[in-house]
């Protein structure tokens, strides 16, 4: 009979307003607190353009090009907010684009060895501009609308010493191209 593994011990090493650092049987990782999930939106216009955002991220000390994303259940009274509702809200707030319909794509971890985060990805086809976007009062978001056929080259040109591309953009681009070709 194989030896039984000792019960995992979980210890909170540090805790802040939005994150805590956990040690579980010698493995350290971060987890978010005070929310029910994270959503990311692959937003494609009727003209087959991908809607991207760019903002400064203090953790990496540079501007980052990203797909629109947001938190679900993070505001008082929204603890049970549907992820589709959070995705619609995040898309509108960050980009000024509205999605008539959202299609769930998949759920996955952005950094499985470092964080407990799981992101629900949604596809928003035929989004339309209804406001300026730009984020809330704590954000300075620049919106980019890039034709799908030019997106890979555009992203290469935008990558500099002061700007990088979040890898989730490339995942979003694959889904956007598939959607544009009828997939």
Protein backbone atom coordinates (compact mmCIF):
# COMPACT_ATOMS: atom_id res chain seq x y z
CA UNK A 1 0.00 0.00 0.00
CA UNK A 2 1.48 3.39 -1.01
CA UNK A 3 2.20 5.87 1.76
CA UNK A 4 -0.52 8.46 2.35
CA UNK A 5 0.35 12.02 1.48
CA UNK A 6 0.25 14.49 4.32
CA UNK A 7 -2.68 16.89 4.27
CA UNK A 8 -1.90 20.07 2.38
CA UNK A 9 -1.26 22.98 4.64
CA UNK A 10 -2.43 26.33 3.38
CA UNK A 11 -1.04 29.51 4.88
CA UNK A 12 -1.77 33.13 3.94
CA UNK A 13 1.63 34.85 3.77
CA UNK A 14 0.41 38.35 2.94
CA UNK A 15 -2.89 39.97 2.17
CA UNK A 16 -3.81 43.24 0.50
CA UNK A 17 -7.01 44.86 -0.74
CA UNK A 18 -7.14 42.86 -3.98
CA UNK A 19 -4.58 40.03 -3.68
CA UNK A 20 -3.18 37.61 -1.19
CA UNK A 21 -0.05 35.49 -1.28
CA UNK A 22 -0.58 31.86 -0.31
CA UNK A 23 1.80 29.03 0.58
CA UNK A 24 0.35 25.58 0.06
CA UNK A 25 2.72 22.74 0.93
CA UNK A 26 5.70 24.83 -0.15
CA UNK A 27 4.16 26.23 -3.35
CA UNK A 28 3.62 29.98 -3.28
CA UNK A 29 0.97 31.59 -5.44
CA UNK A 30 -1.27 34.64 -5.63
CA UNK A 31 -5.04 34.73 -5.52
CA UNK A 32 -7.49 37.54 -6.03
CA UNK A 33 -9.96 38.39 -3.29
CA UNK A 34 -13.36 40.02 -3.46
CA UNK A 35 -14.57 38.91 -6.88
CA UNK A 36 -16.27 35.96 -8.53
CA UNK A 37 -14.31 35.82 -11.78
CA UNK A 38 -12.51 37.46 -14.66
CA UNK A 39 -13.80 37.93 -18.20
CA UNK A 40 -11.98 38.66 -21.47
CA UNK A 41 -13.68 39.71 -24.67
CA UNK A 42 -12.57 38.99 -28.22
CA UNK A 43 -14.46 41.85 -29.89
CA UNK A 44 -14.77 41.87 -33.68
CA UNK A 45 -16.50 44.61 -35.66
CA UNK A 46 -18.81 44.04 -38.65
CA UNK A 47 -15.86 45.23 -40.80
CA UNK A 48 -13.70 42.34 -39.47
CA UNK A 49 -11.57 44.46 -37.14
CA UNK A 50 -10.26 43.40 -33.73
CA UNK A 51 -10.90 45.82 -30.87
CA UNK A 52 -7.88 46.10 -28.58
CA UNK A 53 -6.97 48.32 -25.66
CA UNK A 54 -3.69 49.77 -24.45
CA UNK A 55 -2.91 50.94 -20.95
CA UNK A 56 0.01 51.41 -18.58
CA UNK A 57 0.54 48.46 -16.24
CA UNK A 58 2.64 49.31 -13.16
CA UNK A 59 3.61 45.66 -12.55
CA UNK A 60 5.59 45.53 -15.81
CA UNK A 61 6.31 49.28 -15.92
CA UNK A 62 5.13 49.74 -19.50
CA UNK A 63 2.10 50.15 -21.70
CA UNK A 64 0.46 46.85 -22.61
CA UNK A 65 -1.77 46.07 -25.58
CA UNK A 66 -4.56 43.76 -24.43
CA UNK A 67 -7.98 42.42 -25.31
CA UNK A 68 -10.74 44.09 -23.29
CA UNK A 69 -11.23 42.39 -19.92
CA UNK A 70 -12.75 42.96 -16.52
CA UNK A 71 -13.68 41.61 -13.14
CA UNK A 72 -17.01 40.02 -12.25
CA UNK A 73 -18.64 40.36 -8.85
CA UNK A 74 -16.09 42.90 -7.62
CA UNK A 75 -18.53 45.71 -6.82
CA UNK A 76 -20.83 45.72 -3.79
CA UNK A 77 -24.14 44.15 -4.78
CA UNK A 78 -22.69 42.35 -7.82
CA UNK A 79 -21.28 39.31 -6.04
CA UNK A 80 -23.47 36.98 -8.14
CA UNK A 81 -23.15 38.96 -11.37
CA UNK A 82 -23.42 36.83 -14.51
CA UNK A 83 -20.13 36.68 -16.38
CA UNK A 84 -21.86 37.71 -19.63
CA UNK A 85 -23.12 40.86 -17.89
CA UNK A 86 -19.61 41.60 -16.59
CA UNK A 87 -18.19 41.06 -20.08
CA UNK A 88 -20.71 43.47 -21.65
CA UNK A 89 -19.95 46.06 -18.95
CA UNK A 90 -16.16 45.72 -19.33
CA UNK A 91 -16.31 45.96 -23.13
CA UNK A 92 -18.44 49.10 -23.04
CA UNK A 93 -16.49 50.76 -20.22
CA UNK A 94 -13.04 50.09 -21.70
CA UNK A 95 -13.72 50.46 -25.43
CA UNK A 96 -17.05 52.19 -25.97
CA UNK A 97 -18.20 49.21 -28.06
CA UNK A 98 -21.43 47.34 -27.42
CA UNK A 99 -21.94 43.64 -28.06
CA UNK A 100 -25.38 42.44 -29.12
CA UNK A 101 -24.47 38.80 -28.46
CA UNK A 102 -21.66 37.12 -26.54
CA UNK A 103 -20.52 33.57 -27.21
CA UNK A 104 -18.63 31.72 -24.47
CA UNK A 105 -15.33 30.38 -25.86
CA UNK A 106 -13.45 28.76 -22.96
CA UNK A 107 -12.13 29.15 -19.42
CA UNK A 108 -8.41 28.98 -18.68
CA UNK A 109 -5.61 30.15 -16.39
CA UNK A 110 -3.39 33.02 -17.57
CA UNK A 111 -0.51 31.93 -15.33
CA UNK A 112 -1.21 28.49 -13.86
CA UNK A 113 1.99 28.29 -11.81
CA UNK A 114 1.68 31.73 -10.23
CA UNK A 115 -2.00 32.47 -9.71
CA UNK A 116 -5.40 30.89 -9.05
CA UNK A 117 -6.98 33.18 -11.67
CA UNK A 118 -9.23 31.67 -14.29
CA UNK A 119 -10.47 33.78 -17.18
CA UNK A 120 -13.71 33.21 -19.09
CA UNK A 121 -13.20 34.20 -22.75
CA UNK A 122 -16.13 35.46 -24.81
CA UNK A 123 -16.45 36.20 -28.51
CA UNK A 124 -18.40 39.34 -29.41
CA UNK A 125 -19.19 39.54 -33.14
CA UNK A 126 -20.36 42.66 -34.97
CA UNK A 127 -19.66 45.01 -32.08
CA UNK A 128 -20.53 48.64 -32.66
CA UNK A 129 -19.15 51.87 -31.23
CA UNK A 130 -21.65 53.67 -28.97
CA UNK A 131 -19.42 55.79 -26.70
CA UNK A 132 -15.81 56.86 -26.17
CA UNK A 133 -14.74 54.12 -23.75
CA UNK A 134 -11.39 54.72 -22.08
CA UNK A 135 -12.10 53.01 -18.77
CA UNK A 136 -13.18 54.36 -15.42
CA UNK A 137 -11.75 57.30 -13.46
CA UNK A 138 -8.69 55.22 -12.42
CA UNK A 139 -7.80 54.10 -15.95
CA UNK A 140 -6.26 55.73 -19.01
CA UNK A 141 -7.18 53.31 -21.79
CA UNK A 142 -6.44 53.89 -25.44
CA UNK A 143 -8.64 51.94 -27.88
CA UNK A 144 -7.26 50.42 -31.08
CA UNK A 145 -9.40 49.00 -33.88
CA UNK A 146 -7.21 46.93 -36.19
CA UNK A 147 -8.20 45.06 -39.38
CA UNK A 148 -7.80 41.32 -38.78
CA UNK A 149 -5.60 40.81 -41.85
CA UNK A 150 -3.18 43.50 -40.58
CA UNK A 151 -3.28 42.62 -36.88
CA UNK A 152 -0.18 40.37 -36.59
CA UNK A 153 2.03 42.90 -38.40
CA UNK A 154 0.49 45.80 -36.44
CA UNK A 155 1.26 44.03 -33.14
CA UNK A 156 4.90 43.41 -34.16
CA UNK A 157 5.31 47.11 -34.99
CA UNK A 158 3.76 48.18 -31.68
CA UNK A 159 6.14 46.07 -29.58
CA UNK A 160 8.93 48.34 -28.29
CA UNK A 161 11.02 48.93 -25.17
CA UNK A 162 8.09 50.88 -23.70
CA UNK A 163 5.20 48.74 -24.95
CA UNK A 164 4.43 45.03 -25.04
CA UNK A 165 1.60 42.75 -26.11
CA UNK A 166 -0.30 40.58 -23.63
CA UNK A 167 -0.17 36.97 -24.96
CA UNK A 168 -3.97 36.73 -24.59
CA UNK A 169 -4.19 39.04 -27.60
CA UNK A 170 -2.79 36.27 -29.82
CA UNK A 171 -5.35 33.81 -28.45
CA UNK A 172 -8.05 36.36 -29.19
CA UNK A 173 -6.68 36.90 -32.69
CA UNK A 174 -6.93 33.17 -33.46
CA UNK A 175 -10.58 33.12 -32.39
CA UNK A 176 -11.30 36.35 -34.30
CA UNK A 177 -9.81 34.94 -37.52
CA UNK A 178 -11.76 31.71 -37.08
CA UNK A 179 -14.98 33.69 -36.53
CA UNK A 180 -14.31 35.83 -39.61
CA UNK A 181 -13.88 32.71 -41.74
CA UNK A 182 -17.19 31.30 -40.53
CA UNK A 183 -15.85 29.26 -37.59
